[in-house]
Amino acid sequence: MRLLHTMIRVGNLEQSLAFYTEVLGMQLLRKHDYPEGRFTLAFVGYGPESEGAVIELTHNWDTTAYDLGTGYGHIALEVDDAYAACTAIKARGGKVVREAGPMKHGTTVIAFVEDPDGYKIELIQKH
């Protein structure tokens, strides 16, 4: 068994695709409209789905926003340099909500960014 994807619902698909591809540097791997169900599925990631887990962005055409809930945490991405990643993300219009630095009670360097729907993405610097 292996992890295939994490699905999140998004209110504005084009805005979310721009964030995940242009700001975070992922690739749009596939996208399909389901007119009878009034939704679109778009899969983004850093490589082919056959080689790693991806994110499924689900856009229900008649819903423009979602409550994030209290159970959901975040998506985590490994980066070479969290400080440089934050600088690049801000330069591309992304929102950094916790600047890079050591985590509380530890030494791992982390940062958090937020996508257009308010989902948090943690950047974890390689050791």
C-alpha atoms as a PDB file:
ATOM      1  CA  MET A   1       0.000   0.000   0.000  1.00  0.00           C
ATOM      2  CA  ARG A   2       0.992   3.624  -0.463  1.00  0.00           C
ATOM      3  CA  LEU A   3      -0.461   7.070   0.078  1.00  0.00           C
ATOM      4  CA  LEU A   4      -1.996   8.368  -3.172  1.00  0.00           C
ATOM      5  CA  HIS A   5      -3.341  11.839  -2.435  1.00  0.00           C
ATOM      6  CA  THR A   6      -4.879  14.282   0.022  1.00  0.00           C
ATOM      7  CA  MET A   7      -8.123  15.928  -1.090  1.00  0.00           C
ATOM      8  CA  ILE A   8      -9.092  19.469  -0.139  1.00  0.00           C
ATOM      9  CA  ARG A   9     -12.133  21.415  -1.299  1.00  0.00           C
ATOM     10  CA  VAL A  10     -11.441  24.810  -2.830  1.00  0.00           C
ATOM     11  CA  GLY A  11     -13.757  27.750  -3.492  1.00  0.00           C
ATOM     12  CA  ASN A  12     -12.009  29.180  -6.573  1.00  0.00           C
ATOM     13  CA  LEU A  13     -10.204  26.549  -8.628  1.00  0.00           C
ATOM     14  CA  GLU A  14      -8.246  28.904 -10.872  1.00  0.00           C
ATOM     15  CA  GLN A  15      -6.958  30.887  -7.888  1.00  0.00           C
ATOM     16  CA  SER A  16      -5.989  27.668  -6.089  1.00  0.00           C
ATOM     17  CA  LEU A  17      -4.277  26.231  -9.173  1.00  0.00           C
ATOM     18  CA  ALA A  18      -2.285  29.447  -9.541  1.00  0.00           C
ATOM     19  CA  PHE A  19      -1.179  29.207  -5.906  1.00  0.00           C
ATOM     20  CA  TYR A  20      -0.125  25.560  -5.997  1.00  0.00           C
ATOM     21  CA  THR A  21       1.587  25.792  -9.401  1.00  0.00           C
ATOM     22  CA  GLU A  22       2.959  29.349  -9.570  1.00  0.00           C
ATOM     23  CA  VAL A  23       3.622  30.054  -5.878  1.00  0.00           C
ATOM     24  CA  LEU A  24       4.576  26.570  -4.623  1.00  0.00           C
ATOM     25  CA  GLY A  25       5.976  25.287  -7.919  1.00  0.00           C
ATOM     26  CA  MET A  26       3.837  22.162  -8.287  1.00  0.00           C
ATOM     27  CA  GLN A  27       2.648  20.845 -11.631  1.00  0.00           C
ATOM     28  CA  LEU A  28      -0.947  20.387 -12.706  1.00  0.00           C
ATOM     29  CA  LEU A  29      -0.938  16.639 -13.323  1.00  0.00           C
ATOM     30  CA  ARG A  30      -4.527  16.178 -14.458  1.00  0.00           C
ATOM     31  CA  LYS A  31      -7.855  17.982 -14.385  1.00  0.00           C
ATOM     32  CA  HIS A  32     -11.326  16.751 -15.250  1.00  0.00           C
ATOM     33  CA  ASP A  33     -14.755  18.400 -15.198  1.00  0.00           C
ATOM     34  CA  TYR A  34     -17.810  16.393 -14.135  1.00  0.00           C
ATOM     35  CA  PRO A  35     -20.714  18.497 -15.491  1.00  0.00           C
ATOM     36  CA  GLU A  36     -23.459  16.149 -14.296  1.00  0.00           C
ATOM     37  CA  GLY A  37     -22.092  16.348 -10.747  1.00  0.00           C
ATOM     38  CA  ARG A  38     -21.169  20.036 -11.098  1.00  0.00           C
ATOM     39  CA  PHE A  39     -17.606  19.616  -9.868  1.00  0.00           C
ATOM     40  CA  THR A  40     -14.004  19.580 -11.112  1.00  0.00           C
ATOM     41  CA  LEU A  41     -11.084  17.531  -9.828  1.00  0.00           C
ATOM     42  CA  ALA A  42      -7.535  18.801 -10.334  1.00  0.00           C
ATOM     43  CA  PHE A  43      -4.450  16.934  -9.147  1.00  0.00           C
ATOM     44  CA  VAL A  44      -1.209  18.804  -8.405  1.00  0.00           C
ATOM     45  CA  GLY A  45       2.182  17.613  -7.239  1.00  0.00           C
ATOM     46  CA  TYR A  46       5.938  17.681  -7.673  1.00  0.00           C
ATOM     47  CA  GLY A  47       6.135  14.591  -9.843  1.00  0.00           C
ATOM     48  CA  PRO A  48       4.075  11.845 -11.418  1.00  0.00           C
ATOM     49  CA  GLU A  49       1.312  10.320  -9.318  1.00  0.00           C
ATOM     50  CA  SER A  50       2.953   6.932  -9.842  1.00  0.00           C
ATOM     51  CA  GLU A  51       6.020   8.157  -7.931  1.00  0.00           C
ATOM     52  CA  GLY A  52       4.601  10.118  -5.007  1.00  0.00           C
ATOM     53  CA  ALA A  53       1.593  11.484  -3.183  1.00  0.00           C
ATOM     54  CA  VAL A  54      -0.255  14.469  -4.670  1.00  0.00           C
ATOM     55  CA  ILE A  55      -2.991  16.912  -3.693  1.00  0.00           C
ATOM     56  CA  GLU A  56      -6.480  16.610  -5.145  1.00  0.00           C
ATOM     57  CA  LEU A  57      -8.205  19.988  -5.406  1.00  0.00           C
ATOM     58  CA  THR A  58     -11.971  19.470  -5.519  1.00  0.00           C
ATOM     59  CA  HIS A  59     -14.046  22.381  -6.782  1.00  0.00           C
ATOM     60  CA  ASN A  60     -17.811  22.088  -6.363  1.00  0.00           C
ATOM     61  CA  TRP A  61     -19.141  24.599  -8.852  1.00  0.00           C
ATOM     62  CA  ASP A  62     -21.905  25.924  -6.615  1.00  0.00           C
ATOM     63  CA  THR A  63     -19.761  26.472  -3.497  1.00  0.00           C
ATOM     64  CA  THR A  64     -17.468  29.485  -3.202  1.00  0.00           C
ATOM     65  CA  ALA A  65     -16.039  28.915   0.303  1.00  0.00           C
ATOM     66  CA  TYR A  66     -15.722  26.284   3.026  1.00  0.00           C
ATOM     67  CA  ASP A  67     -15.311  26.262   6.783  1.00  0.00           C
ATOM     68  CA  LEU A  68     -11.893  24.727   7.426  1.00  0.00           C
ATOM     69  CA  GLY A  69     -12.965  22.959  10.597  1.00  0.00           C
ATOM     70  CA  THR A  70     -10.936  22.259  13.700  1.00  0.00           C
ATOM     71  CA  GLY A  71      -9.719  18.755  12.863  1.00  0.00           C
ATOM     72  CA  TYR A  72      -7.679  19.565   9.786  1.00  0.00           C
ATOM     73  CA  GLY A  73      -4.055  20.520  10.360  1.00  0.00           C
ATOM     74  CA  HIS A  74      -1.833  21.201   7.365  1.00  0.00           C
ATOM     75  CA  ILE A  75       0.068  19.859   4.380  1.00  0.00           C
ATOM     76  CA  ALA A  76       3.839  19.577   4.889  1.00  0.00           C
ATOM     77  CA  LEU A  77       6.476  20.138   2.196  1.00  0.00           C
ATOM     78  CA  GLU A  78      10.207  19.525   2.532  1.00  0.00           C
ATOM     79  CA  VAL A  79      12.387  22.413   1.337  1.00  0.00           C
ATOM     80  CA  ASP A  80      16.155  22.882   1.124  1.00  0.00           C
ATOM     81  CA  ASP A  81      16.055  26.311   2.777  1.00  0.00           C
ATOM     82  CA  ALA A  82      12.902  27.511   4.547  1.00  0.00           C
ATOM     83  CA  TYR A  83      14.132  31.127   4.710  1.00  0.00           C
ATOM     84  CA  ALA A  84      14.739  31.261   0.952  1.00  0.00           C
ATOM     85  CA  ALA A  85      11.447  29.458   0.290  1.00  0.00           C
ATOM     86  CA  CYS A  86       9.527  32.117   2.259  1.00  0.00           C
ATOM     87  CA  THR A  87      11.258  34.901   0.348  1.00  0.00           C
ATOM     88  CA  ALA A  88      10.425  33.251  -2.988  1.00  0.00           C
ATOM     89  CA  ILE A  89       6.819  32.533  -2.009  1.00  0.00           C
ATOM     90  CA  LYS A  90       6.263  36.156  -0.950  1.00  0.00           C
ATOM     91  CA  ALA A  91       7.857  37.379  -4.201  1.00  0.00           C
ATOM     92  CA  ARG A  92       5.342  35.244  -6.135  1.00  0.00           C
ATOM     93  CA  GLY A  93       2.410  36.714  -4.195  1.00  0.00           C
ATOM     94  CA  GLY A  94       2.044  33.988  -1.564  1.00  0.00           C
ATOM     95  CA  LYS A  95       1.103  34.651   2.045  1.00  0.00           C
ATOM     96  CA  VAL A  96       3.609  33.623   4.726  1.00  0.00           C
ATOM     97  CA  VAL A  97       1.789  33.321   8.062  1.00  0.00           C
ATOM     98  CA  ARG A  98       4.761  32.121  10.129  1.00  0.00           C
ATOM     99  CA  GLU A  99       8.236  33.155   9.050  1.00  0.00           C
ATOM    100  CA  ALA A 100      11.003  30.572   8.887  1.00  0.00           C
ATOM    101  CA  GLY A 101      12.719  29.744  12.154  1.00  0.00           C
ATOM    102  CA  PRO A 102      13.248  26.959  14.662  1.00  0.00           C
ATOM    103  CA  MET A 103      10.096  25.268  15.902  1.00  0.00           C
ATOM    104  CA  LYS A 104       9.106  25.774  19.534  1.00  0.00           C
ATOM    105  CA  HIS A 105      10.852  23.335  21.830  1.00  0.00           C
ATOM    106  CA  GLY A 106      13.075  22.060  19.001  1.00  0.00           C
ATOM    107  CA  THR A 107      15.648  22.899  16.377  1.00  0.00           C
ATOM    108  CA  THR A 108      13.900  21.949  13.128  1.00  0.00           C
ATOM    109  CA  VAL A 109      13.455  25.049  10.941  1.00  0.00           C
ATOM    110  CA  ILE A 110       9.859  25.449   9.787  1.00  0.00           C
ATOM    111  CA  ALA A 111       7.564  28.066   8.272  1.00  0.00           C
ATOM    112  CA  PHE A 112       3.891  28.211   7.342  1.00  0.00           C
ATOM    113  CA  VAL A 113       2.191  29.633   4.277  1.00  0.00           C
ATOM    114  CA  GLU A 114      -1.506  29.862   3.527  1.00  0.00           C
ATOM    115  CA  ASP A 115      -3.310  29.069   0.287  1.00  0.00           C
ATOM    116  CA  PRO A 116      -6.209  31.182  -1.085  1.00  0.00           C
ATOM    117  CA  ASP A 117      -8.763  29.100   0.854  1.00  0.00           C
ATOM    118  CA  GLY A 118      -6.918  29.430   4.163  1.00  0.00           C
ATOM    119  CA  TYR A 119      -5.327  25.967   4.187  1.00  0.00           C
ATOM    120  CA  LYS A 120      -1.944  25.935   5.916  1.00  0.00           C
ATOM    121  CA  ILE A 121       1.155  24.490   4.252  1.00  0.00           C
ATOM    122  CA  GLU A 122       4.137  23.819   6.492  1.00  0.00           C
ATOM    123  CA  LEU A 123       7.615  24.161   5.026  1.00  0.00           C
ATOM    124  CA  ILE A 124      10.120  21.913   6.788  1.00  0.00           C
ATOM    125  CA  GLN A 125      13.790  22.568   6.093  1.00  0.00           C
ATOM    126  CA  LYS A 126      15.887  19.497   5.268  1.00  0.00           C
ATOM    127  CA  HIS A 127      18.335  18.523   8.006  1.00  0.00           C
END
